[in-house]
């Protein structure tokens, strides 16, 4: 079972299925957010359904791109044979 799961997330032939799975999970999260009670909100954007899911997704993407930018252009990443 674990080998099948590793193959599903590691092989390129399952890319379209992984993309559809990601989209389905995001849609389920946004739909589930409509059913969350919002009695104790402090800011107006906390009352918008789907805000938390969208903000979390955009934040994760931003962290990935910023860290890749710092790694590549900031001199943190080195070539494979840097210490040879």
C-alpha atoms as a PDB file:
ATOM      1  CA  UNK A   1       0.000   0.000   0.000  1.00  0.00           C
ATOM      2  CA  UNK A   2       2.792   2.427   0.854  1.00  0.00           C
ATOM      3  CA  UNK A   3       4.630   1.640  -2.376  1.00  0.00           C
ATOM      4  CA  UNK A   4       1.494   2.474  -4.361  1.00  0.00           C
ATOM      5  CA  UNK A   5       1.141   5.772  -2.521  1.00  0.00           C
ATOM      6  CA  UNK A   6       4.791   6.660  -3.100  1.00  0.00           C
ATOM      7  CA  UNK A   7       4.442   5.798  -6.776  1.00  0.00           C
ATOM      8  CA  UNK A   8       1.295   7.923  -7.046  1.00  0.00           C
ATOM      9  CA  UNK A   9       3.043  11.015  -5.678  1.00  0.00           C
ATOM     10  CA  UNK A  10       6.389  10.348  -7.348  1.00  0.00           C
ATOM     11  CA  UNK A  11       5.681   9.328 -10.915  1.00  0.00           C
ATOM     12  CA  UNK A  12       4.951  11.782 -13.708  1.00  0.00           C
ATOM     13  CA  UNK A  13       2.232   9.632 -15.252  1.00  0.00           C
ATOM     14  CA  UNK A  14      -0.071  10.445 -12.309  1.00  0.00           C
ATOM     15  CA  UNK A  15       0.389  14.219 -12.624  1.00  0.00           C
ATOM     16  CA  UNK A  16      -3.095  14.881 -14.005  1.00  0.00           C
ATOM     17  CA  UNK A  17      -4.722  12.776 -11.287  1.00  0.00           C
ATOM     18  CA  UNK A  18      -2.691  14.554  -8.582  1.00  0.00           C
ATOM     19  CA  UNK A  19      -3.750  17.933  -9.970  1.00  0.00           C
ATOM     20  CA  UNK A  20      -7.433  16.912  -9.934  1.00  0.00           C
ATOM     21  CA  UNK A  21      -7.051  15.582  -6.389  1.00  0.00           C
ATOM     22  CA  UNK A  22      -5.536  18.907  -5.281  1.00  0.00           C
ATOM     23  CA  UNK A  23      -8.370  20.848  -6.883  1.00  0.00           C
ATOM     24  CA  UNK A  24     -10.992  18.594  -5.273  1.00  0.00           C
ATOM     25  CA  UNK A  25      -9.421  19.019  -1.830  1.00  0.00           C
ATOM     26  CA  UNK A  26      -9.322  22.811  -2.238  1.00  0.00           C
ATOM     27  CA  UNK A  27     -12.977  22.901  -3.303  1.00  0.00           C
ATOM     28  CA  UNK A  28     -13.985  20.745  -0.322  1.00  0.00           C
ATOM     29  CA  UNK A  29     -12.097  23.044   2.061  1.00  0.00           C
ATOM     30  CA  UNK A  30     -13.766  26.165   0.663  1.00  0.00           C
ATOM     31  CA  UNK A  31     -17.215  24.543   0.777  1.00  0.00           C
ATOM     32  CA  UNK A  32     -16.628  23.360   4.360  1.00  0.00           C
ATOM     33  CA  UNK A  33     -15.708  26.915   5.309  1.00  0.00           C
ATOM     34  CA  UNK A  34     -19.290  28.006   4.547  1.00  0.00           C
ATOM     35  CA  UNK A  35     -20.506  25.866   7.459  1.00  0.00           C
ATOM     36  CA  UNK A  36     -18.103  27.220  10.098  1.00  0.00           C
ATOM     37  CA  UNK A  37     -19.793  29.510  12.641  1.00  0.00           C
ATOM     38  CA  UNK A  38     -18.233  32.973  12.836  1.00  0.00           C
ATOM     39  CA  UNK A  39     -19.606  34.390  16.064  1.00  0.00           C
ATOM     40  CA  UNK A  40     -16.322  35.736  17.461  1.00  0.00           C
ATOM     41  CA  UNK A  41     -14.511  37.466  14.626  1.00  0.00           C
ATOM     42  CA  UNK A  42     -12.247  40.453  15.133  1.00  0.00           C
ATOM     43  CA  UNK A  43     -11.691  41.559  11.536  1.00  0.00           C
ATOM     44  CA  UNK A  44     -14.151  41.863   8.669  1.00  0.00           C
ATOM     45  CA  UNK A  45     -12.213  39.511   6.389  1.00  0.00           C
ATOM     46  CA  UNK A  46     -12.663  36.670   8.862  1.00  0.00           C
ATOM     47  CA  UNK A  47     -16.359  36.620   7.962  1.00  0.00           C
ATOM     48  CA  UNK A  48     -15.686  35.955   4.257  1.00  0.00           C
ATOM     49  CA  UNK A  49     -16.228  32.256   3.440  1.00  0.00           C
ATOM     50  CA  UNK A  50     -13.140  30.720   1.903  1.00  0.00           C
ATOM     51  CA  UNK A  51     -10.833  33.474   3.140  1.00  0.00           C
ATOM     52  CA  UNK A  52      -8.774  31.190   5.373  1.00  0.00           C
ATOM     53  CA  UNK A  53      -8.289  28.571   2.653  1.00  0.00           C
ATOM     54  CA  UNK A  54      -7.338  31.173   0.049  1.00  0.00           C
ATOM     55  CA  UNK A  55      -5.043  33.071   2.377  1.00  0.00           C
ATOM     56  CA  UNK A  56      -3.340  29.850   3.471  1.00  0.00           C
ATOM     57  CA  UNK A  57      -2.814  28.708  -0.117  1.00  0.00           C
ATOM     58  CA  UNK A  58      -1.423  32.060  -1.263  1.00  0.00           C
ATOM     59  CA  UNK A  59       0.820  32.228   1.805  1.00  0.00           C
ATOM     60  CA  UNK A  60       2.273  28.762   1.161  1.00  0.00           C
ATOM     61  CA  UNK A  61       2.947  29.583  -2.482  1.00  0.00           C
ATOM     62  CA  UNK A  62       4.601  32.861  -1.463  1.00  0.00           C
ATOM     63  CA  UNK A  63       6.826  31.093   1.080  1.00  0.00           C
ATOM     64  CA  UNK A  64       7.933  28.586  -1.563  1.00  0.00           C
ATOM     65  CA  UNK A  65       8.759  31.226  -4.176  1.00  0.00           C
ATOM     66  CA  UNK A  66      10.502  33.548  -1.713  1.00  0.00           C
ATOM     67  CA  UNK A  67      12.629  30.727  -0.298  1.00  0.00           C
ATOM     68  CA  UNK A  68      13.572  29.564  -3.797  1.00  0.00           C
ATOM     69  CA  UNK A  69      14.501  33.132  -4.747  1.00  0.00           C
ATOM     70  CA  UNK A  70      16.650  33.531  -1.633  1.00  0.00           C
ATOM     71  CA  UNK A  71      18.239  30.139  -2.190  1.00  0.00           C
ATOM     72  CA  UNK A  72      19.141  30.694  -5.825  1.00  0.00           C
ATOM     73  CA  UNK A  73      20.026  34.373  -5.961  1.00  0.00           C
ATOM     74  CA  UNK A  74      21.019  34.882  -2.334  1.00  0.00           C
ATOM     75  CA  UNK A  75      23.965  32.510  -2.553  1.00  0.00           C
ATOM     76  CA  UNK A  76      22.630  29.960  -0.097  1.00  0.00           C
ATOM     77  CA  UNK A  77      22.396  27.051  -2.551  1.00  0.00           C
ATOM     78  CA  UNK A  78      25.598  25.546  -3.852  1.00  0.00           C
ATOM     79  CA  UNK A  79      26.378  23.193  -6.721  1.00  0.00           C
ATOM     80  CA  UNK A  80      26.468  19.457  -6.059  1.00  0.00           C
ATOM     81  CA  UNK A  81      30.252  19.326  -6.357  1.00  0.00           C
ATOM     82  CA  UNK A  82      30.915  22.475  -4.317  1.00  0.00           C
ATOM     83  CA  UNK A  83      32.922  20.639  -1.642  1.00  0.00           C
ATOM     84  CA  UNK A  84      34.844  18.385  -4.057  1.00  0.00           C
END
